[in-house]
Protein backbone atom coordinates (compact mmCIF):
# COMPACT_ATOMS: atom_id res chain seq x y z
CA MET A 1 14.86 0.58 37.00
CA ILE A 2 14.98 -3.15 37.23
CA GLY A 3 16.46 -4.89 34.20
CA VAL A 4 14.67 -8.12 33.16
CA GLY A 5 16.77 -8.85 30.09
CA LYS A 6 18.18 -7.15 27.06
CA ILE A 7 15.82 -5.97 24.39
CA LYS A 8 17.28 -5.78 20.96
CA GLN A 9 17.10 -2.24 19.55
CA TYR A 10 16.39 -1.60 15.87
CA SER A 11 17.54 1.63 14.26
CA ASN A 12 14.97 1.22 11.47
CA VAL A 13 11.44 -0.04 11.82
CA LEU A 14 11.94 -1.98 8.58
CA ASP A 15 14.60 -4.11 10.33
CA LYS A 16 12.10 -5.47 12.85
CA PRO A 17 11.02 -9.07 12.25
CA LEU A 18 7.42 -9.74 11.09
CA SER A 19 6.47 -11.64 14.23
CA LYS A 20 3.63 -14.18 14.16
CA GLY A 21 2.97 -13.60 17.83
CA LYS A 22 -0.49 -12.80 19.08
CA GLN A 23 -1.18 -9.08 18.76
CA GLU A 24 -4.40 -7.51 19.88
CA VAL A 25 -5.81 -4.03 19.56
CA SER A 26 -8.16 -2.55 22.15
CA LEU A 27 -11.72 -2.82 20.88
CA SER A 28 -12.74 0.46 22.48
CA ALA A 29 -9.74 2.21 20.86
CA PHE A 30 -10.62 0.79 17.46
CA ALA A 31 -14.29 1.72 17.88
CA PHE A 32 -13.33 5.29 18.75
CA LEU A 33 -10.86 5.61 15.87
CA PHE A 34 -13.30 4.13 13.34
CA SER A 35 -16.05 6.44 14.61
CA GLU A 36 -13.81 9.42 14.03
CA LEU A 37 -13.04 8.14 10.53
CA VAL A 38 -16.72 7.90 9.73
CA GLN A 39 -17.57 11.27 11.22
CA TYR A 40 -14.74 13.05 9.46
CA ASN A 41 -15.62 11.67 6.05
CA GLN A 42 -19.27 12.51 6.70
CA THR A 43 -18.37 16.20 6.81
CA GLN A 44 -16.60 15.88 3.43
CA VAL A 45 -19.47 14.49 1.37
CA ASP A 46 -22.98 15.42 0.28
CA ASN A 47 -24.58 11.95 0.03
CA ILE A 48 -24.46 8.44 1.42
CA ALA A 49 -23.03 6.87 -1.75
CA GLU A 50 -20.02 9.19 -1.61
CA LEU A 51 -19.53 8.48 2.10
CA GLU A 52 -19.48 4.71 1.46
CA ARG A 53 -17.08 5.22 -1.39
CA ARG A 54 -14.63 7.08 0.83
CA LEU A 55 -14.85 4.37 3.46
CA GLU A 56 -14.27 1.75 0.79
CA ASP A 57 -11.19 3.59 -0.48
CA ALA A 58 -9.83 3.72 3.07
CA GLY A 59 -10.39 -0.02 3.40
CA TYR A 60 -8.78 -0.70 0.04
CA ALA A 61 -5.48 0.70 1.32
CA VAL A 62 -5.70 -1.55 4.40
CA GLY A 63 -6.47 -4.62 2.27
CA ALA A 64 -3.49 -4.02 -0.02
CA ARG A 65 -1.11 -3.83 2.95
CA VAL A 66 -2.66 -6.87 4.71
CA LEU A 67 -2.07 -8.93 1.57
CA GLU A 68 1.57 -7.83 1.40
CA LEU A 69 2.12 -8.64 5.09
CA LEU A 70 0.49 -12.07 5.05
CA CYS A 71 2.15 -13.16 1.77
CA HIS A 72 5.59 -12.08 2.98
CA ARG A 73 5.21 -13.48 6.48
CA ASP A 74 3.28 -16.67 5.98
CA LYS A 75 3.61 -17.66 2.34
CA GLY A 76 7.19 -16.77 1.35
CA ASN A 77 5.88 -14.05 -1.03
CA ARG A 78 3.68 -16.62 -2.81
CA ARG A 79 0.13 -15.57 -3.67
CA GLU A 80 -2.99 -17.54 -4.40
CA THR A 81 -3.61 -18.09 -8.12
CA ARG A 82 -6.89 -20.01 -7.80
CA LEU A 83 -10.28 -18.33 -7.39
CA LEU A 84 -11.47 -20.59 -4.57
CA GLY A 85 -8.04 -20.34 -3.01
CA ILE A 86 -8.05 -16.54 -2.76
CA LEU A 87 -11.73 -16.58 -1.51
CA SER A 88 -10.81 -19.07 1.20
CA PHE A 89 -7.76 -16.96 2.06
CA VAL A 90 -10.01 -13.88 2.58
CA HIS A 91 -12.73 -15.82 4.40
CA SER A 92 -10.29 -17.49 6.85
CA THR A 93 -6.79 -16.03 7.04
CA VAL A 94 -7.53 -12.38 6.42
CA TRP A 95 -10.67 -12.35 8.54
CA LYS A 96 -8.90 -14.06 11.42
CA VAL A 97 -6.02 -11.53 11.33
CA LEU A 98 -8.41 -8.59 11.28
CA PHE A 99 -11.31 -9.74 13.41
CA GLY A 100 -9.93 -12.65 15.45
CA LYS A 101 -12.25 -15.23 13.84
CA VAL A 102 -13.16 -16.81 10.53
CA ALA A 103 -16.07 -15.23 8.73
CA ASP A 104 -19.46 -16.79 9.44
CA SER A 105 -20.02 -18.00 5.89
CA LEU A 106 -18.69 -18.02 2.32
CA GLU A 107 -21.28 -18.74 -0.37
CA LYS A 108 -21.48 -18.80 -4.14
CA GLY A 109 -24.20 -16.70 -5.70
CA THR A 110 -27.21 -18.58 -7.09
CA GLU A 111 -28.08 -16.13 -9.83
CA HIS A 112 -24.67 -15.30 -11.31
CA GLU A 113 -21.63 -17.47 -11.73
CA ASP A 114 -19.18 -14.65 -11.00
CA GLU A 115 -20.69 -13.64 -7.61
CA TYR A 116 -19.68 -14.80 -4.13
CA MET A 117 -20.80 -13.67 -0.69
CA ILE A 118 -19.04 -13.46 2.69
CA SER A 119 -21.54 -12.98 5.49
CA GLU A 120 -21.17 -11.89 9.13
CA LYS A 121 -23.98 -12.04 11.68
CA GLU A 122 -22.45 -9.05 13.50
CA LEU A 123 -19.67 -7.33 11.55
CA LEU A 124 -17.33 -5.50 13.93
CA VAL A 125 -17.52 -2.12 12.15
CA ASN A 126 -21.34 -2.23 12.50
CA ARG A 127 -21.50 -3.44 16.00
CA PHE A 128 -21.44 -0.08 17.75
CA ILE A 129 -23.02 1.98 14.98
CA SER A 130 -26.40 3.59 15.27
CA ILE A 131 -27.60 4.81 11.87
CA PRO A 132 -29.97 7.81 11.82
CA LYS A 133 -33.20 7.32 9.92
CA ASP A 134 -32.25 10.06 7.45
CA MET A 135 -29.21 8.08 6.36
CA GLY A 136 -31.30 5.22 5.07
CA THR A 137 -29.28 2.12 4.21
CA PHE A 138 -25.82 3.51 4.97
CA ASN A 139 -23.55 0.60 5.77
CA CYS A 140 -20.17 1.01 7.51
CA GLY A 141 -19.38 -2.44 6.07
CA ALA A 142 -18.19 -0.48 3.01
CA PHE A 143 -14.89 -0.18 4.86
CA VAL A 144 -14.57 -3.98 5.05
CA ALA A 145 -15.73 -4.28 1.43
CA GLY A 146 -12.79 -2.04 0.55
CA ILE A 147 -10.39 -4.28 2.49
CA VAL A 148 -11.65 -7.31 0.57
CA ARG A 149 -11.38 -5.48 -2.78
CA GLY A 150 -7.80 -4.44 -1.90
CA VAL A 151 -6.76 -8.02 -1.16
CA LEU A 152 -8.42 -9.39 -4.32
CA ASP A 153 -7.07 -6.67 -6.53
CA GLY A 154 -3.55 -7.09 -5.19
CA ALA A 155 -3.76 -10.83 -5.80
CA GLY A 156 -4.79 -10.36 -9.43
CA PHE A 157 -8.55 -10.94 -9.04
CA PRO A 158 -10.17 -7.60 -9.61
CA ALA A 159 -13.77 -7.33 -8.46
CA VAL A 160 -16.59 -4.99 -7.49
CA VAL A 161 -17.12 -5.48 -3.80
CA THR A 162 -20.14 -4.00 -1.91
CA ALA A 163 -21.63 -4.35 1.59
CA HIS A 164 -25.29 -5.03 2.17
CA PHE A 165 -27.65 -5.48 5.10
CA VAL A 166 -29.69 -8.71 4.91
CA PRO A 167 -32.65 -9.19 7.28
CA VAL A 168 -32.64 -12.43 9.31
CA ASP A 169 -35.77 -13.99 10.74
CA GLY A 170 -35.80 -13.87 14.52
CA GLN A 171 -33.01 -11.38 14.79
CA GLN A 172 -33.38 -7.68 15.57
CA ARG A 173 -30.34 -6.60 13.62
CA PRO A 174 -29.65 -7.71 10.04
CA ARG A 175 -26.50 -9.53 9.05
CA THR A 176 -23.90 -7.91 6.83
CA THR A 177 -23.09 -9.55 3.50
CA ILE A 178 -20.03 -8.63 1.49
CA LEU A 179 -20.97 -9.23 -2.15
CA ILE A 180 -18.04 -9.97 -4.49
CA LYS A 181 -18.63 -9.73 -8.23
CA PHE A 182 -15.51 -10.56 -10.15
CA ALA A 183 -14.48 -8.62 -13.23
CA GLU A 184 -15.00 -10.06 -16.69
CA GLU A 185 -11.33 -10.66 -17.22
CA VAL A 186 -11.27 -12.95 -14.20
CA THR A 187 -14.07 -15.12 -15.45
CA ASP A 188 -12.56 -15.19 -18.93
CA TYR A 189 -9.23 -16.30 -17.52
CA LEU A 190 -10.89 -19.12 -15.57
CA PHE A 191 -12.77 -20.14 -18.71
CA VAL A 192 -9.48 -20.44 -20.66
CA LEU A 193 -7.75 -22.17 -17.75
CA HIS A 194 -10.47 -24.81 -17.63
CA TYR A 195 -9.91 -25.72 -21.27
CA VAL A 196 -6.12 -25.56 -20.99
CA ARG A 197 -6.36 -28.24 -18.35
CA SER A 198 -8.93 -30.34 -20.20
CA ASP A 199 -7.09 -30.24 -23.55
CA VAL A 200 -10.26 -29.25 -25.39
CA PRO A 201 -9.75 -26.87 -28.37
CA ILE A 202 -11.77 -23.65 -28.05
CA LEU A 203 -12.46 -20.64 -30.14
CA SER A 204 -13.87 -17.92 -27.90
CA SER A 205 -15.78 -14.85 -28.97
CA TYR A 206 -15.11 -13.10 -25.67
CA SER A 207 -13.83 -9.56 -26.07
CA ASN A 208 -10.06 -9.24 -25.71
CA LEU A 209 -9.65 -12.96 -25.27
CA VAL A 210 -6.78 -14.68 -27.07
CA VAL A 211 -7.98 -17.40 -29.47
CA PHE A 212 -6.48 -20.68 -28.32
CA PHE A 213 -6.15 -23.84 -30.40
CA PRO A 214 -4.36 -26.71 -28.56
CA VAL A 215 -2.85 -28.93 -31.28
CA GLN A 216 -1.34 -32.36 -31.26
CA GLY A 217 2.20 -32.19 -30.06
CA THR A 218 1.74 -28.93 -28.10
CA THR A 219 3.60 -29.21 -24.83
CA LYS A 220 2.06 -28.42 -21.52
CA ARG A 221 4.63 -25.62 -21.04
CA SER A 222 3.51 -23.87 -24.21
CA LYS A 223 -0.13 -24.22 -23.14
CA VAL A 224 0.60 -22.56 -19.86
CA ARG A 225 2.43 -19.75 -21.67
CA LEU A 226 -0.64 -19.14 -23.88
CA MET A 227 -2.81 -19.04 -20.81
CA TYR A 228 -0.41 -16.61 -19.07
CA VAL A 229 -0.33 -14.29 -22.08
CA THR A 230 -4.12 -14.29 -22.13
CA ARG A 231 -4.29 -13.25 -18.50
CA LEU A 232 -1.70 -10.52 -18.93
CA SER A 233 -3.60 -8.97 -21.82
CA HIS A 234 -6.63 -8.63 -19.59
CA PHE A 235 -4.69 -6.63 -17.08
CA GLY A 236 -3.44 -4.06 -19.56
CA PHE A 237 -0.21 -5.78 -20.68
CA PRO A 238 0.51 -6.30 -24.38
CA SER A 239 -0.35 -9.73 -25.73
CA GLY A 240 3.31 -10.30 -26.55
CA SER A 241 4.40 -10.23 -22.93
CA PRO A 242 6.41 -13.25 -21.77
């Protein structure tokens, strides 16, 4: 054996550095593994909705771990606290790590304020999938929807995330749209945050929302504390949490 240099040995995998180096996975190997995942889960369910739910659950676990990795490696354990910031993080950083490119588009819903859409002309998990006619609108993008939900949930922005096929004029295959509908506590938090920053007194009738009256002489620090307590209460913590 010809030695070309010493390679540092690690007794524990946790001791290995989280390298930022370029790491690629064989596309054919991934396609085979994902196909096996779909086929196995197909034998465990009785309907398409349950199959998509199982794929989403599998993706959720991936998303939670991707968030932990990227925050620890690239952000010094800091996480996005802004809605547009976390959406941009998913659309660009997460997508590039998983699929080697930024998502094709990120759009805000036109009908509902709490909805956003990430679209891909040819989502990787649907690229080599041929769906039988008897399976109707089954979408393997449910796996990616689960990844997105895992990232958002871990960052403190719970949402319902679903995958949909959208026909495109002039194209044989539809594009895949990941629809993100944020939970009520997220929109309530953003509502309060807006008024905290604008110094406008509010009395909200939202359920479980802390009533907030900024008064003359209230410091910015105390305002932030009130906002933080409001957010914690939405995530199941007592309103008296620090």
